[in-house]
């Protein structure tokens, strides 16, 4: 497989490049390989693909748990089965925060007033969590999103996990969530 495009300044792939490449590869994996990757975050004996990708993309050892969670999240939301046209779990156009609000449903909202798929309280707990608590919350959300067969901007998730000491990525998720919720609420009051 060709290596993803590299950052001009660093001569190594950017997080966006890595997420794009991982998404494409996951869409082509067998059901057994995807199942092993879904358990990657829970097991110290990580799947072979995890180690291959760590070697290829070279993330630091201190980020192993976060990358294991990112990979497990992506594997969980990747459609199951052997479909040769299976879609990537990564869609750069679909902001994670927006999808946490509408669940990836085109016809959302289906209630008046609009009710987000992930409550505001649950979102706040996620955005304020750190370390293992944050990773656990992310995996619970992955299972929720998998029910709706959605793909999201997994780079949003990667930045959120890899930078849990800063609030910039959490703020980006919150902005997309509340923009979607506020838009639906405005449309609801105009009817």
N, C-alpha and C. Protein backbone atom coordinates (compact mmCIF):
# COMPACT_ATOMS: atom_id res chain seq x y z
N UNK A 1 0.84 -1.18 0.00
CA UNK A 1 0.00 0.00 0.00
C UNK A 1 0.88 1.23 0.00
N UNK A 2 0.54 2.24 -0.81
CA UNK A 2 1.34 3.46 -0.81
C UNK A 2 1.18 4.22 0.49
N UNK A 3 2.22 4.87 0.87
CA UNK A 3 2.17 5.68 2.09
C UNK A 3 1.33 6.92 1.84
N UNK A 4 0.63 7.44 2.86
CA UNK A 4 -0.17 8.64 2.67
C UNK A 4 0.73 9.83 2.40
N UNK A 5 0.11 10.89 1.91
CA UNK A 5 0.87 12.12 1.68
C UNK A 5 1.50 12.55 2.98
N UNK A 6 2.63 13.19 2.89
CA UNK A 6 3.33 13.61 4.10
C UNK A 6 3.28 15.11 4.23
N UNK A 7 3.44 15.55 5.45
CA UNK A 7 3.52 16.97 5.73
C UNK A 7 4.81 17.51 5.11
N UNK A 8 4.73 18.65 4.49
CA UNK A 8 5.89 19.23 3.82
C UNK A 8 7.02 19.50 4.81
N UNK A 9 6.66 19.94 6.00
CA UNK A 9 7.68 20.36 6.95
C UNK A 9 8.32 19.19 7.70
N UNK A 10 7.59 18.09 7.93
CA UNK A 10 8.08 17.05 8.81
C UNK A 10 8.52 15.78 8.10
N UNK A 11 8.15 15.59 6.87
CA UNK A 11 8.43 14.37 6.13
C UNK A 11 7.86 13.14 6.84
N UNK A 12 6.75 13.31 7.53
CA UNK A 12 6.01 12.20 8.12
C UNK A 12 4.53 12.51 8.00
N UNK A 13 3.69 11.49 7.99
CA UNK A 13 2.27 11.74 7.77
C UNK A 13 1.64 12.56 8.90
N UNK A 14 0.69 13.41 8.54
CA UNK A 14 -0.06 14.17 9.53
C UNK A 14 -1.13 13.26 10.13
N UNK A 15 -1.74 13.69 11.20
CA UNK A 15 -2.83 12.92 11.81
C UNK A 15 -3.95 12.73 10.80
N UNK A 16 -4.28 13.78 10.05
CA UNK A 16 -5.33 13.65 9.03
C UNK A 16 -4.97 12.60 7.99
N UNK A 17 -3.71 12.57 7.57
CA UNK A 17 -3.25 11.56 6.60
C UNK A 17 -3.39 10.15 7.16
N UNK A 18 -2.99 9.98 8.42
CA UNK A 18 -3.04 8.67 9.05
C UNK A 18 -4.49 8.20 9.18
N UNK A 19 -5.35 9.08 9.63
CA UNK A 19 -6.77 8.71 9.79
C UNK A 19 -7.38 8.33 8.45
N UNK A 20 -7.09 9.09 7.42
CA UNK A 20 -7.60 8.79 6.08
C UNK A 20 -7.13 7.40 5.63
N UNK A 21 -5.85 7.13 5.80
CA UNK A 21 -5.29 5.83 5.38
C UNK A 21 -5.87 4.69 6.21
N UNK A 22 -5.99 4.88 7.52
CA UNK A 22 -6.56 3.83 8.36
C UNK A 22 -8.00 3.52 7.95
N UNK A 23 -8.77 4.56 7.67
CA UNK A 23 -10.17 4.37 7.27
C UNK A 23 -10.28 3.55 5.99
N UNK A 24 -9.43 3.87 5.01
CA UNK A 24 -9.45 3.12 3.75
C UNK A 24 -9.08 1.66 3.99
N UNK A 25 -8.06 1.43 4.80
CA UNK A 25 -7.63 0.06 5.07
C UNK A 25 -8.69 -0.72 5.84
N UNK A 26 -9.31 -0.09 6.83
CA UNK A 26 -10.33 -0.78 7.61
C UNK A 26 -11.51 -1.22 6.76
N UNK A 27 -11.87 -0.41 5.78
CA UNK A 27 -12.99 -0.76 4.91
C UNK A 27 -12.71 -2.02 4.10
N UNK A 28 -11.45 -2.37 3.95
CA UNK A 28 -11.07 -3.56 3.17
C UNK A 28 -10.76 -4.79 4.03
N UNK A 29 -10.76 -4.63 5.33
CA UNK A 29 -10.39 -5.75 6.20
C UNK A 29 -11.48 -6.80 6.29
N UNK A 30 -11.08 -8.01 6.61
CA UNK A 30 -12.01 -9.11 6.81
C UNK A 30 -12.79 -8.89 8.11
N UNK A 31 -13.95 -9.53 8.25
CA UNK A 31 -14.71 -9.40 9.49
C UNK A 31 -13.90 -9.81 10.73
N UNK A 32 -13.07 -10.84 10.62
CA UNK A 32 -12.26 -11.28 11.76
C UNK A 32 -11.22 -10.25 12.18
N UNK A 33 -10.55 -9.64 11.18
CA UNK A 33 -9.56 -8.61 11.50
C UNK A 33 -10.23 -7.39 12.14
N UNK A 34 -11.39 -7.00 11.63
CA UNK A 34 -12.11 -5.88 12.23
C UNK A 34 -12.54 -6.20 13.66
N UNK A 35 -12.98 -7.42 13.89
CA UNK A 35 -13.39 -7.82 15.24
C UNK A 35 -12.20 -7.71 16.21
N UNK A 36 -11.03 -8.14 15.77
CA UNK A 36 -9.84 -8.02 16.63
C UNK A 36 -9.53 -6.55 16.91
N UNK A 37 -9.69 -5.69 15.90
CA UNK A 37 -9.42 -4.26 16.09
C UNK A 37 -10.44 -3.61 17.02
N UNK A 38 -11.67 -4.10 17.01
CA UNK A 38 -12.70 -3.55 17.91
C UNK A 38 -12.31 -3.76 19.37
N UNK A 39 -11.53 -4.81 19.62
CA UNK A 39 -11.10 -5.13 20.99
C UNK A 39 -9.73 -4.55 21.32
N UNK A 40 -9.13 -3.82 20.40
CA UNK A 40 -7.77 -3.30 20.58
C UNK A 40 -7.61 -2.44 21.82
N UNK A 41 -8.59 -1.61 22.11
CA UNK A 41 -8.46 -0.71 23.26
C UNK A 41 -8.56 -1.45 24.59
N UNK A 42 -9.19 -2.62 24.58
CA UNK A 42 -9.41 -3.36 25.83
C UNK A 42 -8.31 -4.35 26.14
N UNK A 43 -7.42 -4.59 25.21
CA UNK A 43 -6.48 -5.68 25.38
C UNK A 43 -5.04 -5.22 25.29
N UNK A 44 -4.22 -5.66 26.24
CA UNK A 44 -2.79 -5.36 26.11
C UNK A 44 -2.16 -6.15 24.96
N UNK A 45 -2.83 -7.21 24.51
CA UNK A 45 -2.37 -8.00 23.37
C UNK A 45 -3.08 -7.46 22.13
N UNK A 46 -2.59 -6.39 21.61
CA UNK A 46 -3.26 -5.71 20.52
C UNK A 46 -3.17 -6.47 19.21
N UNK A 47 -4.11 -6.20 18.32
CA UNK A 47 -4.22 -6.88 17.03
C UNK A 47 -2.99 -6.63 16.17
N UNK A 48 -2.66 -7.58 15.29
CA UNK A 48 -1.50 -7.40 14.40
C UNK A 48 -1.56 -6.12 13.57
N UNK A 49 -2.75 -5.75 13.09
CA UNK A 49 -2.84 -4.51 12.30
C UNK A 49 -2.44 -3.29 13.12
N UNK A 50 -2.78 -3.31 14.40
CA UNK A 50 -2.38 -2.20 15.27
C UNK A 50 -0.86 -2.04 15.22
N UNK A 51 -0.12 -3.11 15.39
CA UNK A 51 1.36 -3.03 15.42
C UNK A 51 1.92 -2.66 14.05
N UNK A 52 1.30 -3.16 13.00
CA UNK A 52 1.74 -2.78 11.65
C UNK A 52 1.59 -1.27 11.45
N UNK A 53 0.44 -0.74 11.86
CA UNK A 53 0.19 0.69 11.67
C UNK A 53 1.08 1.53 12.59
N UNK A 54 1.33 1.06 13.80
CA UNK A 54 2.23 1.80 14.70
C UNK A 54 3.62 1.88 14.07
N UNK A 55 4.07 0.78 13.50
CA UNK A 55 5.37 0.76 12.85
C UNK A 55 5.38 1.68 11.63
N UNK A 56 4.33 1.65 10.85
CA UNK A 56 4.25 2.44 9.63
C UNK A 56 4.16 3.94 9.91
N UNK A 57 3.32 4.32 10.88
CA UNK A 57 3.05 5.74 11.10
C UNK A 57 3.83 6.34 12.26
N UNK A 58 4.42 5.50 13.09
CA UNK A 58 5.37 5.94 14.10
C UNK A 58 4.86 6.85 15.20
N UNK A 59 3.65 6.61 15.71
CA UNK A 59 3.24 7.44 16.83
C UNK A 59 4.05 7.07 18.06
N UNK A 60 4.25 8.04 18.96
CA UNK A 60 5.08 7.79 20.14
C UNK A 60 4.45 6.76 21.09
N UNK A 61 5.27 6.05 21.83
CA UNK A 61 4.79 5.04 22.77
C UNK A 61 3.81 5.63 23.77
N UNK A 62 4.02 6.86 24.18
CA UNK A 62 3.13 7.47 25.17
C UNK A 62 1.72 7.66 24.65
N UNK A 63 1.52 7.54 23.34
CA UNK A 63 0.19 7.68 22.74
C UNK A 63 -0.46 6.34 22.39
N UNK A 64 0.15 5.24 22.79
CA UNK A 64 -0.38 3.93 22.43
C UNK A 64 -1.83 3.73 22.85
N UNK A 65 -2.17 4.07 24.08
CA UNK A 65 -3.55 3.86 24.54
C UNK A 65 -4.54 4.72 23.75
N UNK A 66 -4.14 5.95 23.42
CA UNK A 66 -5.03 6.82 22.64
C UNK A 66 -5.20 6.28 21.22
N UNK A 67 -4.11 5.86 20.59
CA UNK A 67 -4.22 5.30 19.24
C UNK A 67 -4.99 3.99 19.24
N UNK A 68 -4.85 3.20 20.28
CA UNK A 68 -5.63 1.96 20.37
C UNK A 68 -7.12 2.30 20.44
N UNK A 69 -7.47 3.35 21.17
CA UNK A 69 -8.86 3.78 21.27
C UNK A 69 -9.36 4.33 19.93
N UNK A 70 -8.54 5.12 19.25
CA UNK A 70 -8.91 5.67 17.94
C UNK A 70 -9.19 4.53 16.97
N UNK A 71 -8.29 3.56 16.95
CA UNK A 71 -8.44 2.43 16.04
C UNK A 71 -9.66 1.59 16.40
N UNK A 72 -9.88 1.36 17.69
CA UNK A 72 -11.07 0.60 18.12
C UNK A 72 -12.34 1.35 17.74
N UNK A 73 -12.37 2.67 17.96
CA UNK A 73 -13.53 3.49 17.59
C UNK A 73 -13.82 3.34 16.09
N UNK A 74 -12.78 3.49 15.28
CA UNK A 74 -12.96 3.38 13.84
C UNK A 74 -13.43 1.98 13.43
N UNK A 75 -12.88 0.96 14.07
CA UNK A 75 -13.29 -0.41 13.75
C UNK A 75 -14.74 -0.66 14.16
N UNK A 76 -15.15 -0.10 15.28
CA UNK A 76 -16.53 -0.29 15.75
C UNK A 76 -17.52 0.35 14.77
N UNK A 77 -17.21 1.53 14.24
CA UNK A 77 -18.18 2.18 13.34
C UNK A 77 -18.03 1.75 11.88
N UNK A 78 -17.00 0.95 11.59
CA UNK A 78 -16.87 0.40 10.23
C UNK A 78 -17.97 -0.64 10.04
N UNK A 79 -18.71 -0.58 8.93
CA UNK A 79 -19.77 -1.57 8.71
C UNK A 79 -19.21 -2.99 8.78
N UNK A 80 -20.02 -3.88 9.32
CA UNK A 80 -19.62 -5.28 9.45
C UNK A 80 -19.87 -6.02 8.15
N UNK A 81 -19.29 -7.19 8.04
CA UNK A 81 -19.53 -8.05 6.89
C UNK A 81 -18.41 -8.02 5.88
N UNK A 82 -18.66 -8.66 4.74
CA UNK A 82 -17.64 -8.82 3.70
C UNK A 82 -17.91 -7.97 2.47
N UNK A 83 -18.73 -6.98 2.58
CA UNK A 83 -19.08 -6.14 1.43
C UNK A 83 -17.83 -5.51 0.83
N UNK A 84 -17.62 -5.73 -0.47
CA UNK A 84 -16.43 -5.18 -1.13
C UNK A 84 -16.53 -3.66 -1.29
N UNK A 85 -17.74 -3.12 -1.21
CA UNK A 85 -17.94 -1.67 -1.32
C UNK A 85 -18.19 -1.03 0.05
N UNK A 86 -17.68 -1.68 1.09
CA UNK A 86 -17.85 -1.16 2.44
C UNK A 86 -17.23 0.22 2.53
N UNK A 87 -17.91 1.15 3.20
CA UNK A 87 -17.39 2.51 3.29
C UNK A 87 -16.43 2.67 4.46
N UNK A 88 -15.56 3.62 4.30
CA UNK A 88 -14.60 3.95 5.35
C UNK A 88 -15.35 4.53 6.55
N UNK A 89 -14.85 4.31 7.76
CA UNK A 89 -15.47 4.94 8.92
C UNK A 89 -15.18 6.44 8.99
N UNK A 90 -14.21 6.89 8.20
CA UNK A 90 -13.80 8.29 8.21
C UNK A 90 -14.44 9.05 7.05
N UNK A 91 -15.12 10.12 7.39
CA UNK A 91 -15.70 11.02 6.40
C UNK A 91 -15.37 12.44 6.85
N UNK A 92 -14.42 13.06 6.18
CA UNK A 92 -13.93 14.36 6.65
C UNK A 92 -15.00 15.45 6.62
N UNK A 93 -16.09 15.23 5.90
CA UNK A 93 -17.15 16.23 5.79
C UNK A 93 -18.14 16.18 6.94
N UNK A 94 -18.16 15.10 7.71
CA UNK A 94 -19.16 14.92 8.77
C UNK A 94 -18.50 15.12 10.13
N UNK A 95 -18.69 16.30 10.68
CA UNK A 95 -18.07 16.64 11.97
C UNK A 95 -18.58 15.73 13.07
N UNK A 96 -17.70 15.32 13.94
CA UNK A 96 -18.05 14.42 15.03
C UNK A 96 -19.13 15.05 15.92
N UNK A 97 -18.98 16.30 16.28
CA UNK A 97 -19.95 16.97 17.15
C UNK A 97 -21.34 17.00 16.54
N UNK A 98 -21.43 17.25 15.25
CA UNK A 98 -22.72 17.27 14.56
C UNK A 98 -23.38 15.90 14.64
N UNK A 99 -22.60 14.86 14.43
CA UNK A 99 -23.14 13.50 14.45
C UNK A 99 -23.54 13.09 15.87
N UNK A 100 -22.83 13.58 16.88
CA UNK A 100 -23.24 13.29 18.25
C UNK A 100 -24.59 13.93 18.54
N UNK A 101 -24.89 15.01 17.86
CA UNK A 101 -26.19 15.67 18.03
C UNK A 101 -27.29 14.95 17.27
N UNK A 102 -27.08 14.71 15.97
CA UNK A 102 -28.17 14.18 15.14
C UNK A 102 -28.09 12.68 14.89
N UNK A 103 -27.05 12.02 15.38
CA UNK A 103 -26.93 10.58 15.21
C UNK A 103 -26.70 10.15 13.78
N UNK A 104 -26.38 11.10 12.90
CA UNK A 104 -26.17 10.78 11.50
C UNK A 104 -27.46 10.58 10.72
N UNK A 105 -28.58 10.97 11.30
CA UNK A 105 -29.87 10.80 10.65
C UNK A 105 -30.20 12.03 9.81
N UNK A 106 -30.44 11.81 8.53
CA UNK A 106 -30.76 12.91 7.62
C UNK A 106 -32.08 13.57 7.99
N UNK A 107 -33.03 12.81 8.51
CA UNK A 107 -34.35 13.34 8.83
C UNK A 107 -34.45 13.92 10.24
N UNK A 108 -33.32 14.01 10.93
CA UNK A 108 -33.34 14.55 12.29
C UNK A 108 -33.67 16.03 12.24
N UNK A 109 -34.44 16.59 13.11
CA UNK A 109 -35.04 16.00 14.30
C UNK A 109 -36.41 15.40 13.99
N UNK A 110 -36.74 14.40 14.74
CA UNK A 110 -38.05 13.76 14.56
C UNK A 110 -38.97 14.09 15.74
N UNK A 111 -38.52 14.98 16.60
CA UNK A 111 -39.35 15.37 17.75
C UNK A 111 -39.35 16.87 17.89
N UNK A 112 -40.34 17.38 18.59
CA UNK A 112 -40.44 18.80 18.89
C UNK A 112 -40.48 18.94 20.39
N UNK A 113 -39.60 19.68 21.01
CA UNK A 113 -38.40 20.31 20.45
C UNK A 113 -37.36 19.26 20.07
N UNK A 114 -36.38 19.67 19.26
CA UNK A 114 -35.35 18.71 18.83
C UNK A 114 -34.63 18.09 20.03
N UNK A 115 -34.48 16.79 19.97
CA UNK A 115 -33.81 16.07 21.07
C UNK A 115 -32.54 15.42 20.52
N UNK A 116 -31.37 15.86 21.00
CA UNK A 116 -30.11 15.30 20.48
C UNK A 116 -29.96 13.83 20.84
N UNK A 117 -29.24 13.09 19.99
CA UNK A 117 -29.00 11.67 20.22
C UNK A 117 -28.13 11.46 21.45
N UNK A 118 -27.13 12.32 21.61
CA UNK A 118 -26.28 12.32 22.81
C UNK A 118 -26.70 13.55 23.61
N UNK A 119 -27.17 13.34 24.82
CA UNK A 119 -27.67 14.47 25.62
C UNK A 119 -26.56 15.49 25.89
N UNK A 120 -26.98 16.70 26.18
CA UNK A 120 -26.01 17.76 26.50
C UNK A 120 -25.20 17.39 27.74
N UNK A 121 -25.83 16.74 28.69
CA UNK A 121 -25.12 16.32 29.90
C UNK A 121 -24.05 15.28 29.57
N UNK A 122 -24.42 14.31 28.74
CA UNK A 122 -23.46 13.26 28.35
C UNK A 122 -22.32 13.87 27.55
N UNK A 123 -22.64 14.82 26.67
CA UNK A 123 -21.60 15.51 25.90
C UNK A 123 -20.65 16.25 26.83
N UNK A 124 -21.19 16.96 27.82
CA UNK A 124 -20.35 17.71 28.76
C UNK A 124 -19.43 16.77 29.53
N UNK A 125 -19.97 15.61 29.96
CA UNK A 125 -19.12 14.64 30.68
C UNK A 125 -17.99 14.16 29.77
N UNK A 126 -18.31 13.87 28.51
CA UNK A 126 -17.29 13.44 27.56
C UNK A 126 -16.21 14.51 27.39
N UNK A 127 -16.62 15.73 27.15
CA UNK A 127 -15.67 16.80 26.87
C UNK A 127 -14.80 17.15 28.06
N UNK A 128 -15.29 16.89 29.27
CA UNK A 128 -14.53 17.19 30.48
C UNK A 128 -13.70 16.02 30.99
N UNK A 129 -13.95 14.84 30.45
CA UNK A 129 -13.22 13.64 30.90
C UNK A 129 -11.77 13.70 30.43
N UNK A 130 -10.93 12.99 31.16
CA UNK A 130 -9.51 12.92 30.82
C UNK A 130 -9.05 11.46 30.90
N UNK A 131 -7.96 11.16 30.19
CA UNK A 131 -7.31 9.86 30.29
C UNK A 131 -8.22 8.69 29.97
N UNK A 132 -8.18 7.65 30.81
CA UNK A 132 -8.94 6.42 30.57
C UNK A 132 -10.44 6.67 30.60
N UNK A 133 -10.90 7.59 31.42
CA UNK A 133 -12.33 7.91 31.47
C UNK A 133 -12.79 8.45 30.12
N UNK A 134 -11.97 9.27 29.50
CA UNK A 134 -12.31 9.81 28.18
C UNK A 134 -12.33 8.70 27.14
N UNK A 135 -11.33 7.83 27.17
CA UNK A 135 -11.29 6.72 26.21
C UNK A 135 -12.49 5.80 26.37
N UNK A 136 -12.87 5.50 27.61
CA UNK A 136 -14.05 4.65 27.84
C UNK A 136 -15.31 5.30 27.29
N UNK A 137 -15.46 6.60 27.50
CA UNK A 137 -16.64 7.32 27.00
C UNK A 137 -16.67 7.32 25.48
N UNK A 138 -15.53 7.48 24.86
CA UNK A 138 -15.44 7.46 23.39
C UNK A 138 -15.89 6.11 22.84
N UNK A 139 -15.47 5.03 23.47
CA UNK A 139 -15.86 3.70 22.98
C UNK A 139 -17.35 3.44 23.16
N UNK A 140 -17.94 3.97 24.23
CA UNK A 140 -19.40 3.85 24.40
C UNK A 140 -20.11 4.61 23.29
N UNK A 141 -19.60 5.78 22.94
CA UNK A 141 -20.21 6.57 21.86
C UNK A 141 -20.06 5.86 20.52
N UNK A 142 -18.94 5.19 20.31
CA UNK A 142 -18.74 4.46 19.06
C UNK A 142 -19.83 3.41 18.88
N UNK A 143 -20.17 2.72 19.94
CA UNK A 143 -21.21 1.69 19.86
C UNK A 143 -22.56 2.31 19.54
N UNK A 144 -22.82 3.48 20.09
CA UNK A 144 -24.06 4.20 19.78
C UNK A 144 -24.10 4.61 18.31
N UNK A 145 -23.00 5.14 17.80
CA UNK A 145 -22.94 5.58 16.40
C UNK A 145 -23.01 4.39 15.45
N UNK A 146 -22.43 3.26 15.84
CA UNK A 146 -22.42 2.08 14.97
C UNK A 146 -23.84 1.60 14.67
N UNK A 147 -24.76 1.81 15.60
CA UNK A 147 -26.15 1.40 15.37
C UNK A 147 -26.78 2.13 14.19
N UNK A 148 -26.30 3.34 13.93
CA UNK A 148 -26.85 4.14 12.83
C UNK A 148 -26.03 4.03 11.56
N UNK A 149 -24.97 3.20 11.58
CA UNK A 149 -24.14 2.98 10.40
C UNK A 149 -23.65 4.30 9.79
N UNK A 150 -23.01 5.11 10.62
CA UNK A 150 -22.53 6.41 10.17
C UNK A 150 -21.01 6.41 10.06
N UNK A 151 -20.51 7.29 9.22
CA UNK A 151 -19.08 7.57 9.19
C UNK A 151 -18.93 9.02 9.63
N UNK A 152 -17.85 9.30 10.34
CA UNK A 152 -17.64 10.64 10.88
C UNK A 152 -16.21 11.08 10.61
N UNK A 153 -15.95 12.33 10.89
CA UNK A 153 -14.59 12.84 10.78
C UNK A 153 -13.79 12.27 11.96
N UNK A 154 -13.12 11.18 11.72
CA UNK A 154 -12.36 10.51 12.79
C UNK A 154 -11.13 11.30 13.19
N UNK A 155 -10.71 12.25 12.37
CA UNK A 155 -9.61 13.13 12.76
C UNK A 155 -10.05 14.01 13.93
N UNK A 156 -11.34 14.41 13.97
CA UNK A 156 -11.85 15.15 15.13
C UNK A 156 -11.64 14.34 16.39
N UNK A 157 -11.94 13.05 16.32
CA UNK A 157 -11.77 12.17 17.46
C UNK A 157 -10.30 12.03 17.83
N UNK A 158 -9.44 11.85 16.83
CA UNK A 158 -8.01 11.70 17.09
C UNK A 158 -7.45 12.93 17.81
N UNK A 159 -7.78 14.10 17.31
CA UNK A 159 -7.30 15.32 17.97
C UNK A 159 -7.82 15.41 19.40
N UNK A 160 -9.07 15.03 19.59
CA UNK A 160 -9.69 15.06 20.92
C UNK A 160 -8.96 14.14 21.90
N UNK A 161 -8.63 12.93 21.47
CA UNK A 161 -7.95 11.99 22.36
C UNK A 161 -6.49 12.32 22.56
N UNK A 162 -5.83 12.72 21.50
CA UNK A 162 -4.39 12.95 21.58
C UNK A 162 -4.03 14.26 22.29
N UNK A 163 -5.00 15.14 22.45
CA UNK A 163 -4.76 16.44 23.08
C UNK A 163 -5.67 16.64 24.27
N UNK A 164 -5.75 15.68 25.16
CA UNK A 164 -6.72 15.81 26.24
C UNK A 164 -6.28 16.79 27.33
N UNK A 165 -5.13 17.38 27.18
CA UNK A 165 -4.69 18.41 28.13
C UNK A 165 -5.13 19.81 27.68
N UNK A 166 -5.61 19.93 26.44
CA UNK A 166 -6.07 21.22 25.93
C UNK A 166 -7.56 21.14 25.63
N UNK A 167 -8.19 22.28 25.54
CA UNK A 167 -9.63 22.31 25.30
C UNK A 167 -10.01 22.63 23.86
N UNK A 168 -9.06 22.90 22.99
CA UNK A 168 -9.38 23.32 21.62
C UNK A 168 -10.17 22.26 20.86
N UNK A 169 -9.78 21.00 20.95
CA UNK A 169 -10.50 19.96 20.23
C UNK A 169 -11.88 19.71 20.85
N UNK A 170 -11.98 19.82 22.17
CA UNK A 170 -13.28 19.69 22.84
C UNK A 170 -14.20 20.83 22.41
N UNK A 171 -13.65 22.02 22.29
CA UNK A 171 -14.46 23.17 21.86
C UNK A 171 -14.95 23.00 20.42
N UNK A 172 -14.12 22.42 19.56
CA UNK A 172 -14.53 22.19 18.17
C UNK A 172 -15.69 21.20 18.11
N UNK A 173 -15.64 20.15 18.92
CA UNK A 173 -16.73 19.18 18.97
C UNK A 173 -18.00 19.86 19.49
N UNK A 174 -17.87 20.63 20.55
CA UNK A 174 -19.03 21.32 21.12
C UNK A 174 -19.63 22.32 20.13
N UNK A 175 -18.79 23.05 19.41
CA UNK A 175 -19.31 24.02 18.41
C UNK A 175 -20.14 23.32 17.35
N UNK A 176 -19.64 22.20 16.83
CA UNK A 176 -20.39 21.49 15.79
C UNK A 176 -21.69 20.91 16.35
N UNK A 177 -21.66 20.40 17.56
CA UNK A 177 -22.86 19.85 18.21
C UNK A 177 -23.92 20.94 18.38
N UNK A 178 -23.52 22.06 18.98
CA UNK A 178 -24.50 23.11 19.27
C UNK A 178 -24.94 23.86 18.02
N UNK A 179 -24.10 23.94 17.02
CA UNK A 179 -24.53 24.54 15.75
C UNK A 179 -25.66 23.71 15.15
N UNK A 180 -25.53 22.38 15.20
CA UNK A 180 -26.57 21.49 14.67
C UNK A 180 -27.83 21.58 15.51
N UNK A 181 -27.68 21.56 16.83
CA UNK A 181 -28.83 21.63 17.73
C UNK A 181 -29.55 22.97 17.60
N UNK A 182 -28.80 24.07 17.57
CA UNK A 182 -29.41 25.40 17.46
C UNK A 182 -30.10 25.60 16.12
N UNK A 183 -29.52 25.07 15.06
CA UNK A 183 -30.14 25.17 13.73
C UNK A 183 -31.48 24.44 13.72
N UNK A 184 -31.51 23.25 14.30
CA UNK A 184 -32.76 22.48 14.36
C UNK A 184 -33.80 23.20 15.22
N UNK A 185 -33.36 23.80 16.33
CA UNK A 185 -34.28 24.52 17.21
C UNK A 185 -34.86 25.76 16.52
N UNK A 186 -34.02 26.47 15.75
CA UNK A 186 -34.53 27.65 15.00
C UNK A 186 -35.55 27.22 13.97
N UNK A 187 -35.27 26.14 13.26
CA UNK A 187 -36.21 25.64 12.26
C UNK A 187 -37.51 25.19 12.91
N UNK A 188 -37.43 24.64 14.12
CA UNK A 188 -38.60 24.17 14.83
C UNK A 188 -39.50 25.33 15.22
N UNK A 189 -38.92 26.47 15.64
CA UNK A 189 -39.73 27.62 16.06
C UNK A 189 -40.30 28.38 14.87
N UNK A 190 -39.74 28.18 13.68
CA UNK A 190 -40.24 28.88 12.48
C UNK A 190 -41.44 28.17 11.86
N UNK A 191 -41.65 26.92 12.21
CA UNK A 191 -42.77 26.16 11.61
C UNK A 191 -44.10 26.57 12.14
